[in-house]
């Protein structure tokens, strides 16, 4: 299990206890766990708390979706801190997976990753909780909760309008923009703007500058993620369209691999390069 510690939760302890008694969420004794990994902690903002209370039950209901990190319930540790109990991602987060395995991945694999993430994002239209902190630091789609250590990296995933308008509210188009950045990350194997300091990063995003396409990236894929991060929200594609396009790319790529592996149709001796693609699934 992964644990995420929620600090400053005292004012909401009564709500959590009532939610557990009403079986809206599952509560576990801390002593039941023999192994855990703490993946972070955060100072909870009032807005987050309000959204958390409204959406926690729904978050638990959708935890079985294969492309969304599972939420199993809460537990209170020996220090009196509440912990969210999340599904253990054995492969690590997306960034860690790409860092370790990127050189082994064929485009078939990359398309599969992108498609599965888009499936999770499409499913999340049913619960828009925690949207303000989305990034790619999970191998399945999870609207992530920020810590002071990862806020800088998250700026690269936030649409420029957020920097231009003080009271701008993130919406489903914001999710699509972030997805476009994630699609580029899958093609490059590294986080966007990773060598920028905070000032450079903010200016880069504010001026609507983007990372350039990686050499060898299929043009259809480049066109798709560029549509996702288009500065005009009216040009932003729908989740369903993105999912269909990625599924098409995934299937076409898989079919090409199968054709390359097929035996020659004539009796003459022929040699051809066989391509072996390592299959994997986001755990």
Protein backbone atom coordinates (compact mmCIF):
# COMPACT_ATOMS: atom_id res chain seq x y z
CA UNK A 1 0.00 0.00 0.00
CA UNK A 2 0.99 3.64 -0.51
CA UNK A 3 0.21 6.06 2.30
CA UNK A 4 -0.35 9.78 1.80
CA UNK A 5 -0.29 11.72 5.06
CA UNK A 6 -2.89 14.47 5.43
CA UNK A 7 -1.82 17.17 7.88
CA UNK A 8 -3.96 19.77 9.66
CA UNK A 9 -6.97 17.49 9.45
CA UNK A 10 -8.09 17.94 13.08
CA UNK A 11 -11.05 20.15 12.20
CA UNK A 12 -12.42 17.44 9.94
CA UNK A 13 -11.87 14.44 12.17
CA UNK A 14 -15.56 14.27 13.09
CA UNK A 15 -16.50 14.16 9.42
CA UNK A 16 -14.05 11.34 8.73
CA UNK A 17 -15.35 9.33 11.69
CA UNK A 18 -18.95 9.78 10.54
CA UNK A 19 -18.01 8.81 6.99
CA UNK A 20 -16.39 5.62 8.26
CA UNK A 21 -19.39 4.73 10.44
CA UNK A 22 -21.74 5.39 7.50
CA UNK A 23 -19.47 3.21 5.33
CA UNK A 24 -18.91 6.01 2.84
CA UNK A 25 -15.22 5.22 3.15
CA UNK A 26 -13.30 2.35 4.68
CA UNK A 27 -11.39 2.83 7.91
CA UNK A 28 -8.48 0.57 8.87
CA UNK A 29 -6.49 0.06 12.03
CA UNK A 30 -2.92 1.20 11.51
CA UNK A 31 -1.62 -1.94 13.23
CA UNK A 32 -3.15 -4.05 10.45
CA UNK A 33 -0.38 -2.98 8.10
CA UNK A 34 2.98 -4.72 8.15
CA UNK A 35 4.49 -2.75 5.28
CA UNK A 36 3.79 0.70 3.94
CA UNK A 37 5.50 3.34 1.86
CA UNK A 38 4.93 7.00 2.65
CA UNK A 39 4.71 8.86 -0.67
CA UNK A 40 4.35 12.35 0.75
CA UNK A 41 2.49 14.76 2.96
CA UNK A 42 0.84 18.10 2.50
CA UNK A 43 -0.61 21.15 4.19
CA UNK A 44 -4.28 20.88 3.28
CA UNK A 45 -5.90 23.99 1.88
CA UNK A 46 -9.50 24.78 2.82
CA UNK A 47 -10.58 24.39 -0.80
CA UNK A 48 -9.00 20.97 -0.96
CA UNK A 49 -10.68 19.94 2.27
CA UNK A 50 -14.11 20.94 0.99
CA UNK A 51 -13.60 19.06 -2.26
CA UNK A 52 -12.14 16.12 -0.40
CA UNK A 53 -15.22 15.77 1.78
CA UNK A 54 -17.57 15.96 -1.18
CA UNK A 55 -15.68 13.58 -3.44
CA UNK A 56 -14.05 11.01 -1.16
CA UNK A 57 -16.93 8.55 -1.33
CA UNK A 58 -16.99 8.73 -5.13
CA UNK A 59 -13.22 8.35 -5.29
CA UNK A 60 -13.52 5.08 -3.40
CA UNK A 61 -16.28 3.88 -5.72
CA UNK A 62 -14.16 4.27 -8.86
CA UNK A 63 -10.94 2.80 -7.46
CA UNK A 64 -11.45 -0.39 -9.47
CA UNK A 65 -10.89 1.40 -12.79
CA UNK A 66 -7.70 -0.10 -14.29
CA UNK A 67 -6.21 3.27 -15.20
CA UNK A 68 -6.80 5.14 -11.95
CA UNK A 69 -4.79 4.69 -8.79
CA UNK A 70 -7.02 2.87 -6.33
CA UNK A 71 -8.16 4.57 -3.12
CA UNK A 72 -8.95 2.01 -0.43
CA UNK A 73 -9.72 4.13 2.62
CA UNK A 74 -8.03 5.92 5.51
CA UNK A 75 -6.09 5.02 8.62
CA UNK A 76 -4.79 6.97 11.59
CA UNK A 77 -1.12 6.41 12.38
CA UNK A 78 0.61 6.33 15.75
CA UNK A 79 1.19 10.09 15.59
CA UNK A 80 -2.51 10.80 15.14
CA UNK A 81 -2.12 11.75 11.48
CA UNK A 82 -4.67 10.58 8.94
CA UNK A 83 -3.32 8.65 5.96
CA UNK A 84 -5.02 7.97 2.66
CA UNK A 85 -4.45 4.34 1.62
CA UNK A 86 -3.69 4.15 -2.08
CA UNK A 87 -2.98 1.32 -4.48
CA UNK A 88 0.67 0.31 -4.61
CA UNK A 89 2.16 1.12 -8.02
CA UNK A 90 4.87 -1.52 -8.33
CA UNK A 91 6.40 0.05 -11.44
CA UNK A 92 6.68 3.41 -9.70
CA UNK A 93 5.35 6.63 -11.17
CA UNK A 94 5.30 7.48 -14.86
CA UNK A 95 8.47 9.57 -14.68
CA UNK A 96 10.34 6.80 -12.88
CA UNK A 97 9.10 4.19 -15.33
CA UNK A 98 10.17 6.22 -18.36
CA UNK A 99 13.53 7.03 -16.80
CA UNK A 100 14.24 3.33 -16.28
CA UNK A 101 12.67 1.79 -19.37
CA UNK A 102 12.48 4.46 -22.06
CA UNK A 103 15.29 3.10 -24.23
CA UNK A 104 13.50 -0.26 -24.37
CA UNK A 105 10.14 1.13 -25.43
CA UNK A 106 8.86 0.95 -28.98
CA UNK A 107 6.16 3.29 -30.23
CA UNK A 108 3.66 0.51 -29.68
CA UNK A 109 4.46 0.71 -25.97
CA UNK A 110 4.34 4.50 -25.88
CA UNK A 111 0.98 4.55 -27.61
CA UNK A 112 -0.30 2.02 -25.11
CA UNK A 113 0.81 4.15 -22.17
CA UNK A 114 -0.79 7.25 -23.69
CA UNK A 115 -4.01 5.39 -24.47
CA UNK A 116 -4.37 3.95 -20.98
CA UNK A 117 -3.79 7.36 -19.42
CA UNK A 118 -6.43 8.87 -21.71
CA UNK A 119 -8.87 6.16 -20.62
CA UNK A 120 -8.31 7.09 -17.00
CA UNK A 121 -8.78 10.78 -17.77
CA UNK A 122 -12.00 10.09 -19.66
CA UNK A 123 -13.32 8.14 -16.70
CA UNK A 124 -12.47 10.97 -14.35
CA UNK A 125 -15.12 13.19 -15.90
CA UNK A 126 -17.42 11.52 -13.38
CA UNK A 127 -15.48 12.91 -10.45
CA UNK A 128 -13.60 16.15 -10.91
CA UNK A 129 -12.00 16.18 -7.46
CA UNK A 130 -8.52 17.50 -6.79
CA UNK A 131 -8.15 18.83 -10.33
CA UNK A 132 -5.94 21.74 -9.32
CA UNK A 133 -2.94 19.50 -8.67
CA UNK A 134 -2.87 17.15 -11.63
CA UNK A 135 0.47 15.97 -12.94
CA UNK A 136 2.03 12.88 -14.44
CA UNK A 137 3.76 11.55 -11.34
CA UNK A 138 1.67 8.39 -11.18
CA UNK A 139 1.79 5.48 -13.57
CA UNK A 140 -2.00 5.58 -13.67
CA UNK A 141 -3.97 8.74 -13.88
CA UNK A 142 -4.41 10.32 -10.47
CA UNK A 143 -5.25 13.95 -9.76
CA UNK A 144 -2.28 14.42 -7.53
CA UNK A 145 -2.03 16.29 -4.25
CA UNK A 146 0.91 18.68 -4.16
CA UNK A 147 3.76 18.95 -1.73
CA UNK A 148 6.21 21.82 -1.40
CA UNK A 149 8.86 19.71 -3.12
CA UNK A 150 6.96 19.03 -6.36
CA UNK A 151 5.02 22.25 -6.94
CA UNK A 152 7.74 23.65 -9.20
CA UNK A 153 7.63 20.68 -11.55
CA UNK A 154 3.85 20.87 -11.66
CA UNK A 155 3.91 24.37 -13.15
CA UNK A 156 4.95 22.88 -16.47
CA UNK A 157 1.63 21.01 -16.65
CA UNK A 158 -0.62 24.02 -15.94
CA UNK A 159 -2.18 25.95 -18.82
CA UNK A 160 -0.98 29.56 -19.40
CA UNK A 161 -4.38 31.10 -18.55
CA UNK A 162 -3.76 30.12 -14.95
CA UNK A 163 -0.82 32.57 -14.86
CA UNK A 164 -2.69 35.35 -16.67
CA UNK A 165 -5.88 35.47 -14.62
CA UNK A 166 -5.73 35.53 -10.84
CA UNK A 167 -9.20 34.06 -10.32
CA UNK A 168 -8.98 31.59 -13.20
CA UNK A 169 -10.62 28.27 -12.38
CA UNK A 170 -9.21 25.09 -13.83
CA UNK A 171 -11.69 23.00 -15.79
CA UNK A 172 -11.86 20.00 -18.09
CA UNK A 173 -9.96 21.93 -20.76
CA UNK A 174 -7.20 22.35 -18.20
CA UNK A 175 -7.07 18.58 -17.90
CA UNK A 176 -6.70 18.27 -21.68
CA UNK A 177 -3.82 20.76 -21.67
CA UNK A 178 -2.07 18.77 -18.95
CA UNK A 179 -2.67 15.57 -20.89
CA UNK A 180 -1.00 17.12 -23.93
CA UNK A 181 2.10 17.83 -21.85
CA UNK A 182 2.04 14.25 -20.57
CA UNK A 183 1.79 12.93 -24.13
CA UNK A 184 4.90 14.91 -25.03
CA UNK A 185 6.64 13.52 -21.94
CA UNK A 186 5.87 9.97 -23.08
CA UNK A 187 7.46 10.75 -26.45
CA UNK A 188 10.58 12.27 -24.91
CA UNK A 189 11.13 10.12 -21.83
CA UNK A 190 11.67 13.13 -19.57
CA UNK A 191 9.58 15.73 -17.72
CA UNK A 192 8.91 19.01 -19.55
CA UNK A 193 11.14 22.01 -18.91
CA UNK A 194 13.09 20.04 -16.34
CA UNK A 195 16.17 22.28 -16.45
CA UNK A 196 14.28 25.54 -15.89
CA UNK A 197 14.24 27.39 -12.60
CA UNK A 198 10.94 28.74 -11.28
CA UNK A 199 11.19 32.15 -12.98
CA UNK A 200 12.22 30.70 -16.34
CA UNK A 201 9.51 28.06 -16.15
CA UNK A 202 6.75 30.56 -15.36
CA UNK A 203 7.85 32.89 -18.17
CA UNK A 204 8.10 30.02 -20.62
CA UNK A 205 4.59 28.80 -19.86
CA UNK A 206 3.19 32.36 -19.68
CA UNK A 207 4.51 33.11 -23.18
CA UNK A 208 2.88 29.88 -24.38
CA UNK A 209 6.17 28.38 -25.45
CA UNK A 210 6.24 24.62 -25.79
CA UNK A 211 8.76 21.83 -25.87
CA UNK A 212 9.69 20.98 -29.49
CA UNK A 213 8.66 17.61 -30.96
CA UNK A 214 11.13 14.80 -30.47
CA UNK A 215 12.78 13.57 -33.65
CA UNK A 216 11.13 10.40 -34.91
CA UNK A 217 7.77 11.07 -33.27
CA UNK A 218 4.89 10.09 -35.60
CA UNK A 219 3.27 13.21 -37.06
CA UNK A 220 -0.26 12.15 -36.01
CA UNK A 221 0.87 11.94 -32.39
CA UNK A 222 2.57 15.35 -32.55
CA UNK A 223 -0.54 16.90 -34.07
CA UNK A 224 -2.70 15.39 -31.33
CA UNK A 225 -0.71 16.69 -28.35
CA UNK A 226 -0.32 20.10 -30.00
CA UNK A 227 -4.10 20.30 -30.26
CA UNK A 228 -4.30 19.50 -26.55
CA UNK A 229 -2.08 22.42 -25.57
CA UNK A 230 -3.49 24.91 -28.10
CA UNK A 231 -3.75 28.39 -26.59
CA UNK A 232 -7.35 28.76 -27.78
CA UNK A 233 -9.64 26.64 -25.56
CA UNK A 234 -12.19 26.40 -28.38
CA UNK A 235 -9.68 24.33 -30.35
CA UNK A 236 -9.21 21.90 -27.48
CA UNK A 237 -10.22 18.33 -28.44
CA UNK A 238 -12.66 16.33 -26.35
CA UNK A 239 -11.48 13.47 -24.15
CA UNK A 240 -13.35 10.92 -26.27
CA UNK A 241 -11.64 12.15 -29.45
CA UNK A 242 -8.19 11.92 -27.86
CA UNK A 243 -8.92 8.43 -26.60
CA UNK A 244 -10.10 7.27 -30.05
CA UNK A 245 -7.06 8.75 -31.80
CA UNK A 246 -4.64 7.13 -29.37
CA UNK A 247 -6.44 3.81 -29.66
CA UNK A 248 -6.15 4.05 -33.44
CA UNK A 249 -2.42 4.78 -33.24
CA UNK A 250 -1.96 1.92 -30.77
CA UNK A 251 -3.82 -0.58 -32.94
CA UNK A 252 -2.14 0.49 -36.18
CA UNK A 253 1.27 0.22 -34.54
CA UNK A 254 0.46 -3.24 -33.17
CA UNK A 255 -0.73 -4.41 -36.59
CA UNK A 256 2.53 -3.30 -38.19
CA UNK A 257 4.47 -5.34 -35.64
CA UNK A 258 2.34 -8.39 -36.41
CA UNK A 259 2.92 -7.94 -40.15
CA UNK A 260 6.68 -7.77 -39.62
CA UNK A 261 6.54 -11.04 -37.69
CA UNK A 262 4.44 -12.84 -40.30
CA UNK A 263 6.24 -15.56 -42.35
CA UNK A 264 7.01 -14.88 -46.05
CA UNK A 265 4.17 -15.78 -48.42
CA UNK A 266 6.46 -17.50 -50.99
CA UNK A 267 8.82 -20.44 -50.67
CA UNK A 268 12.01 -18.52 -51.31
CA UNK A 269 14.35 -18.04 -48.44
CA UNK A 270 14.01 -14.55 -47.15
CA UNK A 271 15.48 -12.78 -44.21
CA UNK A 272 13.86 -9.93 -42.47
CA UNK A 273 14.26 -8.18 -39.22
CA UNK A 274 11.87 -9.40 -36.54
CA UNK A 275 10.74 -6.86 -34.06
CA UNK A 276 10.03 -7.97 -30.55
CA UNK A 277 8.04 -5.63 -28.42
CA UNK A 278 8.13 -6.00 -24.67
CA UNK A 279 4.55 -5.94 -23.49
CA UNK A 280 3.67 -4.33 -20.20
CA UNK A 281 0.65 -3.11 -18.32
CA UNK A 282 0.37 -0.20 -15.95
CA UNK A 283 -0.04 -1.84 -12.57
